[in-house]
Amino acid sequence: MKYDLLQEAVFAGLPLPDCPIVDVHAHFGPATPFPLYDASEEGLQASMDRMGVAALYGSPFQVLCQQYAAAANDYTLELVRRYPGRIFGYLMLNPAEPAAILPELQRCHAAGLRAIKIHTYDSLPYSHPNYEQVFAFAAEYGLPILAHTAGEELRQLESALLRFPQVCFILAHAGCLDPAAYAECAQYFPNVCLETCVSQCPRGLIEFFVNRGLSDRMLWGTDMPLICAGHQLGRVVFADISLEDKYRILYRNAHRILPFPLPAGR
């Protein structure tokens, strides 16, 4: 069996050659509710170096507790300043405090954050009117939104996908439930991208989306350190898809979609 150069690098235990991977879904910070092997900044960097991850977009673990949004954003800004050009941050908000949403958006945008993360965990559904100012701000300033999606969350977003076509909505954990629903959503809405990380990793999920013509709308993510980054990389590197599609998923699409200059590759 002949392996491509990405697969050969993995077998050799080397970072992927000429493939500056972009992880669009990671987490960091000390406030984790989960028993993780290594959630430190050093552990994050070491994992990136082993695989050849050039840059990542992440948010603190407080994304699960949105009442701490301002403190979480402060931590993100500090980390982004310490690792310029390598770690980029999503700003997060508490939709249950509508009066605080716009000031926090303005503060974090002025400080340099250029992407938003939303999550309904222990909070309001995406269809709630409090999200309107989030979507409108993203539309005005061209900020992509990473939206945690599973089950009802996908349906709750549909109105915003239609009304804010200029916003790139990145659907986190695409295919974790009902892969066909994610594929149909991305095929119908041109402003939707699919982020790849899922914990159960059903075989053939990457191929499922690529075979539906969506390779230019897929973004690689890990959810690390909650999920092993190497596991998520293997799902793409060893998928039965073309080498060009692997490059699209691992970094080329991110270069096109995300608002920061990223390292060049093949």
Protein backbone atom coordinates (compact mmCIF):
# COMPACT_ATOMS: atom_id res chain seq x y z
CA MET A 1 0.00 0.00 0.00
CA LYS A 2 1.34 3.43 -0.92
CA TYR A 3 1.04 6.17 1.67
CA ASP A 4 0.94 9.89 0.98
CA LEU A 5 3.56 12.21 2.48
CA LEU A 6 1.30 13.23 5.39
CA GLN A 7 0.71 9.62 6.37
CA GLU A 8 4.43 8.86 6.08
CA ALA A 9 5.20 11.73 8.45
CA VAL A 10 2.73 10.38 10.99
CA PHE A 11 4.24 6.88 10.81
CA ALA A 12 7.67 8.45 11.35
CA GLY A 13 6.41 10.43 14.35
CA LEU A 14 7.19 13.75 12.66
CA PRO A 15 5.20 16.99 12.24
CA LEU A 16 3.37 17.16 8.93
CA PRO A 17 5.67 18.59 6.22
CA ASP A 18 4.72 21.83 4.45
CA CYS A 19 1.34 21.70 6.15
CA PRO A 20 1.01 24.48 8.76
CA ILE A 21 -2.05 23.09 10.49
CA VAL A 22 -4.63 25.47 11.94
CA ASP A 23 -6.70 24.24 14.87
CA VAL A 24 -9.91 26.27 14.96
CA HIS A 25 -11.32 24.78 18.17
CA ALA A 26 -9.18 24.46 21.28
CA HIS A 27 -9.39 25.36 24.96
CA PHE A 28 -6.99 26.63 27.58
CA GLY A 29 -6.78 27.95 31.12
CA PRO A 30 -6.60 26.54 34.62
CA ALA A 31 -10.32 26.57 35.42
CA THR A 32 -11.27 23.17 34.03
CA PRO A 33 -14.05 21.01 35.48
CA PHE A 34 -12.51 17.92 33.85
CA PRO A 35 -9.68 15.63 35.03
CA LEU A 36 -7.24 16.28 32.18
CA TYR A 37 -3.76 14.87 31.69
CA ASP A 38 -2.15 18.20 30.86
CA ALA A 39 -4.11 21.41 30.37
CA SER A 40 -1.13 23.71 30.85
CA GLU A 41 0.12 26.24 28.32
CA GLU A 42 3.30 24.19 28.01
CA GLY A 43 1.29 21.06 27.28
CA LEU A 44 -0.71 22.90 24.65
CA GLN A 45 2.44 24.13 22.93
CA ALA A 46 4.09 20.70 23.08
CA SER A 47 1.07 19.07 21.44
CA MET A 48 1.11 21.68 18.69
CA ASP A 49 4.83 21.18 18.08
CA ARG A 50 4.59 17.40 17.86
CA MET A 51 2.05 17.53 15.05
CA GLY A 52 3.02 20.71 13.24
CA VAL A 53 0.10 22.87 14.34
CA ALA A 54 1.14 26.38 13.35
CA ALA A 55 -1.74 28.27 14.96
CA LEU A 56 -4.87 27.68 16.97
CA TYR A 57 -8.02 29.52 17.88
CA GLY A 58 -9.21 28.82 21.40
CA SER A 59 -11.30 29.86 24.36
CA PRO A 60 -10.97 29.28 28.11
CA PHE A 61 -12.83 26.50 29.85
CA GLN A 62 -15.13 29.15 31.31
CA VAL A 63 -16.99 29.00 28.00
CA LEU A 64 -19.12 26.47 29.90
CA CYS A 65 -19.88 29.08 32.59
CA GLN A 66 -20.75 32.18 30.66
CA GLN A 67 -21.31 34.33 33.74
CA TYR A 68 -17.50 34.54 33.85
CA ALA A 69 -17.22 35.83 30.29
CA ALA A 70 -15.32 39.04 31.06
CA ALA A 71 -12.71 37.27 33.19
CA ALA A 72 -12.36 34.57 30.55
CA ASN A 73 -11.81 37.19 27.86
CA ASP A 74 -9.13 38.85 29.98
CA TYR A 75 -7.31 35.52 30.21
CA THR A 76 -7.62 34.98 26.46
CA LEU A 77 -6.21 38.43 25.72
CA GLU A 78 -3.26 37.79 28.01
CA LEU A 79 -2.51 34.47 26.31
CA VAL A 80 -2.82 35.94 22.82
CA ARG A 81 -0.35 38.67 23.76
CA ARG A 82 2.14 36.10 25.07
CA TYR A 83 1.96 33.94 21.94
CA PRO A 84 1.44 36.39 19.06
CA GLY A 85 0.85 34.78 15.70
CA ARG A 86 0.40 31.35 17.22
CA ILE A 87 -2.54 31.49 19.62
CA PHE A 88 -5.65 33.42 18.65
CA GLY A 89 -8.72 33.83 20.79
CA TYR A 90 -12.47 33.64 20.60
CA LEU A 91 -14.29 36.20 22.68
CA MET A 92 -17.18 34.88 24.72
CA LEU A 93 -20.30 36.52 26.10
CA ASN A 94 -23.07 35.95 28.58
CA PRO A 95 -26.33 36.16 26.58
CA ALA A 96 -28.30 36.21 29.84
CA GLU A 97 -26.96 39.74 30.53
CA PRO A 98 -28.08 41.71 27.46
CA ALA A 99 -26.88 45.08 28.76
CA ALA A 100 -23.31 43.76 29.02
CA ILE A 101 -23.13 42.15 25.56
CA LEU A 102 -22.34 45.14 23.35
CA PRO A 103 -19.81 46.75 25.75
CA GLU A 104 -17.95 43.44 26.04
CA LEU A 105 -17.97 42.95 22.28
CA GLN A 106 -16.58 46.45 21.80
CA ARG A 107 -13.95 46.04 24.53
CA CYS A 108 -12.62 42.73 23.23
CA HIS A 109 -12.73 43.76 19.59
CA ALA A 110 -10.76 46.92 20.39
CA ALA A 111 -8.22 44.78 22.25
CA GLY A 112 -7.69 42.55 19.22
CA LEU A 113 -10.03 39.55 19.39
CA ARG A 114 -11.47 38.84 15.97
CA ALA A 115 -13.75 35.82 16.43
CA ILE A 116 -16.66 34.86 18.69
CA LYS A 117 -17.55 31.61 20.45
CA ILE A 118 -21.14 30.87 21.46
CA HIS A 119 -22.52 27.98 23.46
CA THR A 120 -25.97 27.29 24.88
CA TYR A 121 -24.70 25.18 27.77
CA ASP A 122 -26.54 26.32 30.90
CA SER A 123 -27.70 29.42 29.02
CA LEU A 124 -30.16 30.68 26.41
CA PRO A 125 -30.99 29.04 23.07
CA TYR A 126 -29.52 30.59 19.92
CA SER A 127 -33.01 31.61 18.86
CA HIS A 128 -33.31 33.96 21.86
CA PRO A 129 -33.43 37.67 20.91
CA ASN A 130 -30.46 38.44 23.18
CA TYR A 131 -28.20 36.93 20.52
CA GLU A 132 -29.27 39.51 17.94
CA GLN A 133 -26.66 42.06 18.96
CA VAL A 134 -23.97 39.36 18.84
CA PHE A 135 -24.89 38.41 15.28
CA ALA A 136 -25.24 42.05 14.21
CA PHE A 137 -21.82 42.95 15.63
CA ALA A 138 -20.23 39.99 13.85
CA ALA A 139 -21.87 41.09 10.61
CA GLU A 140 -20.68 44.68 10.98
CA TYR A 141 -17.05 43.78 11.69
CA GLY A 142 -16.69 40.57 9.71
CA LEU A 143 -16.12 38.29 12.69
CA PRO A 144 -16.58 34.53 12.30
CA ILE A 145 -18.66 32.76 14.96
CA LEU A 146 -17.81 29.31 16.28
CA ALA A 147 -21.12 27.89 17.47
CA HIS A 148 -21.32 24.74 19.56
CA THR A 149 -23.94 22.64 17.80
CA ALA A 150 -25.66 19.43 18.77
CA GLY A 151 -29.30 18.47 18.39
CA GLU A 152 -31.58 21.46 18.86
CA GLU A 153 -28.73 23.96 18.68
CA LEU A 154 -28.40 23.40 14.94
CA ARG A 155 -32.07 24.17 14.35
CA GLN A 156 -31.97 27.18 16.67
CA LEU A 157 -29.31 28.78 14.45
CA GLU A 158 -31.18 28.51 11.16
CA SER A 159 -32.84 31.92 11.35
CA ALA A 160 -29.52 33.66 12.03
CA LEU A 161 -27.82 31.76 9.20
CA LEU A 162 -30.43 33.14 6.83
CA ARG A 163 -30.57 36.70 8.15
CA PHE A 164 -26.81 37.24 8.53
CA PRO A 165 -25.35 35.83 5.30
CA GLN A 166 -22.19 37.92 5.68
CA VAL A 167 -21.26 36.11 8.92
CA CYS A 168 -19.29 32.87 8.68
CA PHE A 169 -20.85 30.45 11.14
CA ILE A 170 -18.50 27.59 12.04
CA LEU A 171 -20.52 24.66 13.33
CA ALA A 172 -18.52 22.99 16.08
CA HIS A 173 -18.55 19.19 16.38
CA ALA A 174 -20.10 18.79 12.94
CA GLY A 175 -21.64 15.38 12.54
CA CYS A 176 -21.63 14.51 16.24
CA LEU A 177 -25.35 13.82 15.84
CA ASP A 178 -27.18 13.34 12.54
CA PRO A 179 -24.34 14.00 10.05
CA ALA A 180 -26.84 14.46 7.22
CA ALA A 181 -28.35 17.48 8.99
CA TYR A 182 -24.95 19.21 9.09
CA ALA A 183 -24.25 18.40 5.46
CA GLU A 184 -27.64 19.71 4.37
CA CYS A 185 -27.14 22.88 6.43
CA ALA A 186 -23.75 23.59 4.82
CA GLN A 187 -25.08 22.81 1.35
CA TYR A 188 -28.03 25.17 1.81
CA PHE A 189 -26.26 28.05 3.60
CA PRO A 190 -23.07 29.29 1.88
CA ASN A 191 -21.97 31.05 5.08
CA VAL A 192 -21.69 27.78 7.04
CA CYS A 193 -18.47 25.87 7.66
CA LEU A 194 -18.10 22.53 9.41
CA GLU A 195 -15.58 22.06 12.22
CA THR A 196 -14.42 18.48 12.51
CA CYS A 197 -13.77 17.56 16.14
CA VAL A 198 -16.00 14.93 17.70
CA SER A 199 -15.22 12.69 20.65
CA GLN A 200 -16.70 9.44 19.38
CA CYS A 201 -15.08 9.81 15.91
CA PRO A 202 -17.43 7.66 13.79
CA ARG A 203 -15.56 6.01 10.95
CA GLY A 204 -16.09 7.66 7.59
CA LEU A 205 -17.44 10.99 8.86
CA ILE A 206 -14.72 13.03 7.14
CA GLU A 207 -15.37 11.17 3.87
CA PHE A 208 -19.12 11.67 4.33
CA PHE A 209 -18.75 15.45 4.16
CA VAL A 210 -16.06 15.47 1.46
CA ASN A 211 -18.13 13.20 -0.78
CA ARG A 212 -20.94 15.74 -0.56
CA GLY A 213 -18.75 18.45 -2.04
CA LEU A 214 -17.94 20.18 1.24
CA SER A 215 -14.15 19.88 1.44
CA ASP A 216 -13.77 23.63 0.92
CA ARG A 217 -16.11 24.30 3.87
CA MET A 218 -14.42 22.06 6.45
CA LEU A 219 -12.12 23.31 9.21
CA TRP A 220 -9.96 21.12 11.41
CA GLY A 221 -10.44 21.35 15.16
CA THR A 222 -9.45 19.27 18.17
CA ASP A 223 -11.26 20.48 21.30
CA MET A 224 -7.91 19.85 22.97
CA PRO A 225 -7.02 19.25 25.70
CA LEU A 226 -10.49 17.79 26.22
CA ILE A 227 -9.89 15.44 23.26
CA CYS A 228 -6.54 14.05 22.12
CA ALA A 229 -5.32 16.23 19.25
CA GLY A 230 -3.43 13.36 17.63
CA HIS A 231 -6.62 11.35 17.44
CA GLN A 232 -8.37 14.18 15.62
CA LEU A 233 -5.43 14.61 13.23
CA GLY A 234 -5.47 10.94 12.32
CA ARG A 235 -9.11 11.14 11.29
CA VAL A 236 -8.14 13.53 8.47
CA VAL A 237 -4.67 12.25 7.56
CA PHE A 238 -5.92 8.67 7.17
CA ALA A 239 -9.29 9.51 5.65
CA ASP A 240 -9.97 8.08 2.20
CA ILE A 241 -9.83 11.48 0.52
CA SER A 242 -7.36 13.24 -1.77
CA LEU A 243 -4.20 14.90 -0.48
CA GLU A 244 -5.54 18.23 -1.74
CA ASP A 245 -8.69 17.81 0.35
CA LYS A 246 -6.55 17.07 3.40
CA TYR A 247 -4.66 20.31 2.88
CA ARG A 248 -7.94 22.19 2.53
CA ILE A 249 -9.28 20.82 5.79
CA LEU A 250 -6.06 21.11 7.79
CA TYR A 251 -5.13 24.69 6.89
CA ARG A 252 -6.08 26.12 3.50
CA ASN A 253 -9.72 26.76 4.34
CA ALA A 254 -8.71 28.41 7.60
CA HIS A 255 -6.41 30.76 5.68
CA ARG A 256 -9.36 31.81 3.55
CA ILE A 257 -11.94 32.13 6.30
CA LEU A 258 -10.22 33.31 9.47
CA PRO A 259 -9.29 36.98 9.84
CA PHE A 260 -5.62 36.72 10.81
CA PRO A 261 -2.58 36.10 8.57
CA LEU A 262 -1.44 32.52 9.09
CA PRO A 263 1.75 30.66 8.09
CA ALA A 264 1.90 29.62 4.44
CA GLY A 265 2.14 26.01 3.27
CA ARG A 266 1.89 24.02 0.07
